[in-house]
Amino acid sequence: MQDLWTALCLVAVLEGLFLFVSPGGWKRTVEQLWQLDDRQIRQLGGLMLVAGAAALWWLRH
């Protein structure tokens, strides 16, 4: 359970870093996401999910 909290904290740190370093770039990215349909966003989310799970598996084994 501690690993889960550590991972969530790391996500928060990385998200905050992106917002701190490049707020304009973050805004442009969000504007582009608004223009995508739900199917495209779902596919992107699925791709990120699979990539993250594969990377986690690779790091742990």
N, C-alpha and C. Protein backbone atom coordinates (compact mmCIF):
# COMPACT_ATOMS: atom_id res chain seq x y z
N MET A 1 0.82 -1.19 0.00
CA MET A 1 0.00 0.00 0.00
C MET A 1 0.86 1.26 0.00
N GLN A 2 2.01 1.16 0.65
CA GLN A 2 2.92 2.31 0.70
C GLN A 2 3.44 2.63 -0.70
N ASP A 3 3.66 1.60 -1.53
CA ASP A 3 4.11 1.84 -2.90
C ASP A 3 3.07 2.61 -3.70
N LEU A 4 1.79 2.32 -3.48
CA LEU A 4 0.73 3.04 -4.17
C LEU A 4 0.75 4.52 -3.79
N TRP A 5 0.86 4.82 -2.52
CA TRP A 5 0.90 6.21 -2.08
C TRP A 5 2.14 6.91 -2.61
N THR A 6 3.26 6.20 -2.63
CA THR A 6 4.49 6.77 -3.18
C THR A 6 4.31 7.11 -4.65
N ALA A 7 3.70 6.21 -5.40
CA ALA A 7 3.47 6.44 -6.82
C ALA A 7 2.53 7.63 -7.04
N LEU A 8 1.47 7.73 -6.24
CA LEU A 8 0.54 8.85 -6.37
C LEU A 8 1.21 10.18 -6.03
N CYS A 9 2.06 10.18 -5.05
CA CYS A 9 2.81 11.39 -4.70
C CYS A 9 3.76 11.78 -5.84
N LEU A 10 4.39 10.80 -6.45
CA LEU A 10 5.28 11.07 -7.58
C LEU A 10 4.50 11.65 -8.75
N VAL A 11 3.31 11.15 -9.01
CA VAL A 11 2.45 11.71 -10.07
C VAL A 11 2.16 13.17 -9.76
N ALA A 12 1.82 13.47 -8.51
CA ALA A 12 1.52 14.85 -8.13
C ALA A 12 2.73 15.75 -8.32
N VAL A 13 3.91 15.26 -7.99
CA VAL A 13 5.14 16.04 -8.16
C VAL A 13 5.38 16.31 -9.65
N LEU A 14 5.23 15.30 -10.49
CA LEU A 14 5.46 15.48 -11.92
C LEU A 14 4.42 16.42 -12.54
N GLU A 15 3.16 16.27 -12.17
CA GLU A 15 2.13 17.17 -12.67
C GLU A 15 2.42 18.60 -12.25
N GLY A 16 2.79 18.79 -11.01
CA GLY A 16 3.13 20.12 -10.52
C GLY A 16 4.34 20.69 -11.23
N LEU A 17 5.31 19.86 -11.54
CA LEU A 17 6.50 20.31 -12.25
C LEU A 17 6.13 20.82 -13.64
N PHE A 18 5.28 20.08 -14.36
CA PHE A 18 4.85 20.51 -15.69
C PHE A 18 4.12 21.85 -15.62
N LEU A 19 3.24 22.00 -14.63
CA LEU A 19 2.50 23.25 -14.48
C LEU A 19 3.42 24.41 -14.11
N PHE A 20 4.41 24.13 -13.29
CA PHE A 20 5.33 25.17 -12.84
C PHE A 20 6.27 25.62 -13.96
N VAL A 21 6.80 24.65 -14.71
CA VAL A 21 7.81 24.95 -15.72
C VAL A 21 7.18 25.55 -16.99
N SER A 22 6.03 25.02 -17.40
CA SER A 22 5.46 25.45 -18.68
C SER A 22 3.93 25.57 -18.61
N PRO A 23 3.43 26.58 -17.92
CA PRO A 23 1.98 26.72 -17.84
C PRO A 23 1.32 26.97 -19.20
N GLY A 24 2.00 27.70 -20.08
CA GLY A 24 1.45 27.96 -21.41
C GLY A 24 1.35 26.69 -22.24
N GLY A 25 2.37 25.87 -22.18
CA GLY A 25 2.35 24.60 -22.89
C GLY A 25 1.27 23.68 -22.37
N TRP A 26 1.09 23.70 -21.07
CA TRP A 26 0.04 22.87 -20.46
C TRP A 26 -1.34 23.33 -20.93
N LYS A 27 -1.55 24.65 -20.99
CA LYS A 27 -2.83 25.18 -21.46
C LYS A 27 -3.09 24.80 -22.91
N ARG A 28 -2.07 24.91 -23.76
CA ARG A 28 -2.24 24.53 -25.17
C ARG A 28 -2.57 23.05 -25.31
N THR A 29 -1.93 22.22 -24.50
CA THR A 29 -2.22 20.78 -24.54
C THR A 29 -3.66 20.50 -24.15
N VAL A 30 -4.13 21.15 -23.10
CA VAL A 30 -5.51 20.94 -22.65
C VAL A 30 -6.49 21.42 -23.73
N GLU A 31 -6.19 22.54 -24.38
CA GLU A 31 -7.05 23.03 -25.45
C GLU A 31 -7.13 22.02 -26.60
N GLN A 32 -6.00 21.39 -26.91
CA GLN A 32 -5.99 20.38 -27.97
C GLN A 32 -6.79 19.15 -27.56
N LEU A 33 -6.71 18.77 -26.28
CA LEU A 33 -7.48 17.63 -25.79
C LEU A 33 -8.98 17.90 -25.88
N TRP A 34 -9.40 19.13 -25.65
CA TRP A 34 -10.82 19.48 -25.73
C TRP A 34 -11.36 19.23 -27.14
N GLN A 35 -10.49 19.33 -28.15
CA GLN A 35 -10.93 19.18 -29.53
C GLN A 35 -11.02 17.71 -29.95
N LEU A 36 -10.47 16.81 -29.18
CA LEU A 36 -10.55 15.39 -29.50
C LEU A 36 -11.90 14.83 -29.05
N ASP A 37 -12.36 13.81 -29.75
CA ASP A 37 -13.60 13.17 -29.29
C ASP A 37 -13.28 12.15 -28.19
N ASP A 38 -14.32 11.69 -27.52
CA ASP A 38 -14.15 10.80 -26.37
C ASP A 38 -13.40 9.52 -26.76
N ARG A 39 -13.66 9.01 -27.94
CA ARG A 39 -13.01 7.78 -28.39
C ARG A 39 -11.49 7.95 -28.48
N GLN A 40 -11.05 9.08 -29.02
CA GLN A 40 -9.62 9.33 -29.14
C GLN A 40 -8.96 9.49 -27.77
N ILE A 41 -9.64 10.16 -26.87
CA ILE A 41 -9.09 10.35 -25.52
C ILE A 41 -9.04 9.00 -24.79
N ARG A 42 -10.07 8.18 -24.98
CA ARG A 42 -10.09 6.86 -24.35
C ARG A 42 -8.94 6.00 -24.89
N GLN A 43 -8.69 6.07 -26.20
CA GLN A 43 -7.58 5.31 -26.78
C GLN A 43 -6.24 5.79 -26.23
N LEU A 44 -6.07 7.10 -26.11
CA LEU A 44 -4.84 7.64 -25.55
C LEU A 44 -4.67 7.19 -24.10
N GLY A 45 -5.74 7.22 -23.33
CA GLY A 45 -5.69 6.76 -21.95
C GLY A 45 -5.35 5.29 -21.85
N GLY A 46 -5.94 4.47 -22.73
CA GLY A 46 -5.62 3.04 -22.75
C GLY A 46 -4.17 2.78 -23.10
N LEU A 47 -3.67 3.53 -24.07
CA LEU A 47 -2.26 3.40 -24.46
C LEU A 47 -1.34 3.75 -23.30
N MET A 48 -1.65 4.85 -22.60
CA MET A 48 -0.84 5.25 -21.45
C MET A 48 -0.92 4.21 -20.33
N LEU A 49 -2.10 3.66 -20.13
CA LEU A 49 -2.29 2.63 -19.11
C LEU A 49 -1.44 1.40 -19.41
N VAL A 50 -1.48 0.93 -20.64
CA VAL A 50 -0.70 -0.25 -21.03
C VAL A 50 0.79 0.05 -20.95
N ALA A 51 1.20 1.21 -21.44
CA ALA A 51 2.63 1.57 -21.40
C ALA A 51 3.13 1.67 -19.95
N GLY A 52 2.33 2.29 -19.09
CA GLY A 52 2.72 2.42 -17.68
C GLY A 52 2.79 1.08 -16.98
N ALA A 53 1.81 0.21 -17.23
CA ALA A 53 1.81 -1.12 -16.61
C ALA A 53 2.99 -1.95 -17.11
N ALA A 54 3.29 -1.85 -18.40
CA ALA A 54 4.43 -2.60 -18.96
C ALA A 54 5.74 -2.09 -18.38
N ALA A 55 5.87 -0.78 -18.25
CA ALA A 55 7.09 -0.22 -17.67
C ALA A 55 7.24 -0.63 -16.21
N LEU A 56 6.14 -0.61 -15.48
CA LEU A 56 6.17 -1.02 -14.07
C LEU A 56 6.56 -2.49 -13.95
N TRP A 57 5.96 -3.33 -14.80
CA TRP A 57 6.30 -4.76 -14.78
C TRP A 57 7.77 -4.95 -15.10
N TRP A 58 8.27 -4.24 -16.10
CA TRP A 58 9.68 -4.38 -16.51
C TRP A 58 10.62 -3.94 -15.38
N LEU A 59 10.27 -2.87 -14.69
CA LEU A 59 11.12 -2.39 -13.60
C LEU A 59 11.11 -3.32 -12.39
N ARG A 60 9.98 -3.99 -12.16
CA ARG A 60 9.86 -4.85 -10.99
C ARG A 60 10.39 -6.25 -11.21
N HIS A 61 10.62 -6.65 -12.48
CA HIS A 61 11.09 -8.02 -12.75
C HIS A 61 12.44 -8.03 -13.38
